[in-house]
Amino acid sequence: MKKTLFVPLLCLSLLSFTATDTKKKAKKISVSGTVTQTRDYCGGARPNSEILMQLGTPKPAANKKIYIKEGDVNTFESKVLLALTTDAKGDFHAKLRSGRYLIVDSTKKDLAHYTLLLNAYKNQTKSYDAIDTACLKEWYMKPAGAFEITGKETKNVSVNFHITCRDVPCAWFRGPYPQ
């Protein structure tokens, strides 16, 4: 009886070890891209169309810290595989195995910022409505960008971070506005 159980268990162990070992040895492939940013116009007299166009035109995000995770959706369980900083032109380079990946910034790299927002804005205040938890979860799960590596070098991955006037997603500002 012991021998009949030992042989299948040994085979399963070896198969498991081989599958894990093969995944670790999978070839890493070069990926490169550019990170840009655009922004909203925040406050003051209404700007002319030239200023609005300038703000809406993507500009290189120099020295921007980005985080790469596996998958298409930034789930609460997603772990950072790689942390990178863009160069002066907003470019980044990495080596990853074939698969689907997403890019986020520091606000979505882990649950720290999400939890901070949830706790800080859980109740309505003089200045803000209580945070909309469904909206916040949706905000967190949406990556800035996603890409796929299919076995050959992947170039021209493009990610834009849009900077809004509201620094608190899903908690609407009630006032008072600065004078």
Foldseek 3Di string as FASTA:
>chain_A
DVVVVVVVVVVVVVVVVVVVVVVVPAFWEKEKAFEWEAEDDDDDDDDDPVVRVVRHDTAGDAQFKKFKWADQWLAQPIATPDIDTAHRRRMDMDIGGFHKMFMAGPCQNHCPNVVVLQVVQCPADPWKHRADNVQSNVVNTHGQAMDGDDPHYHYHGYGYDYYYNDPRPRIDTDDDDDD
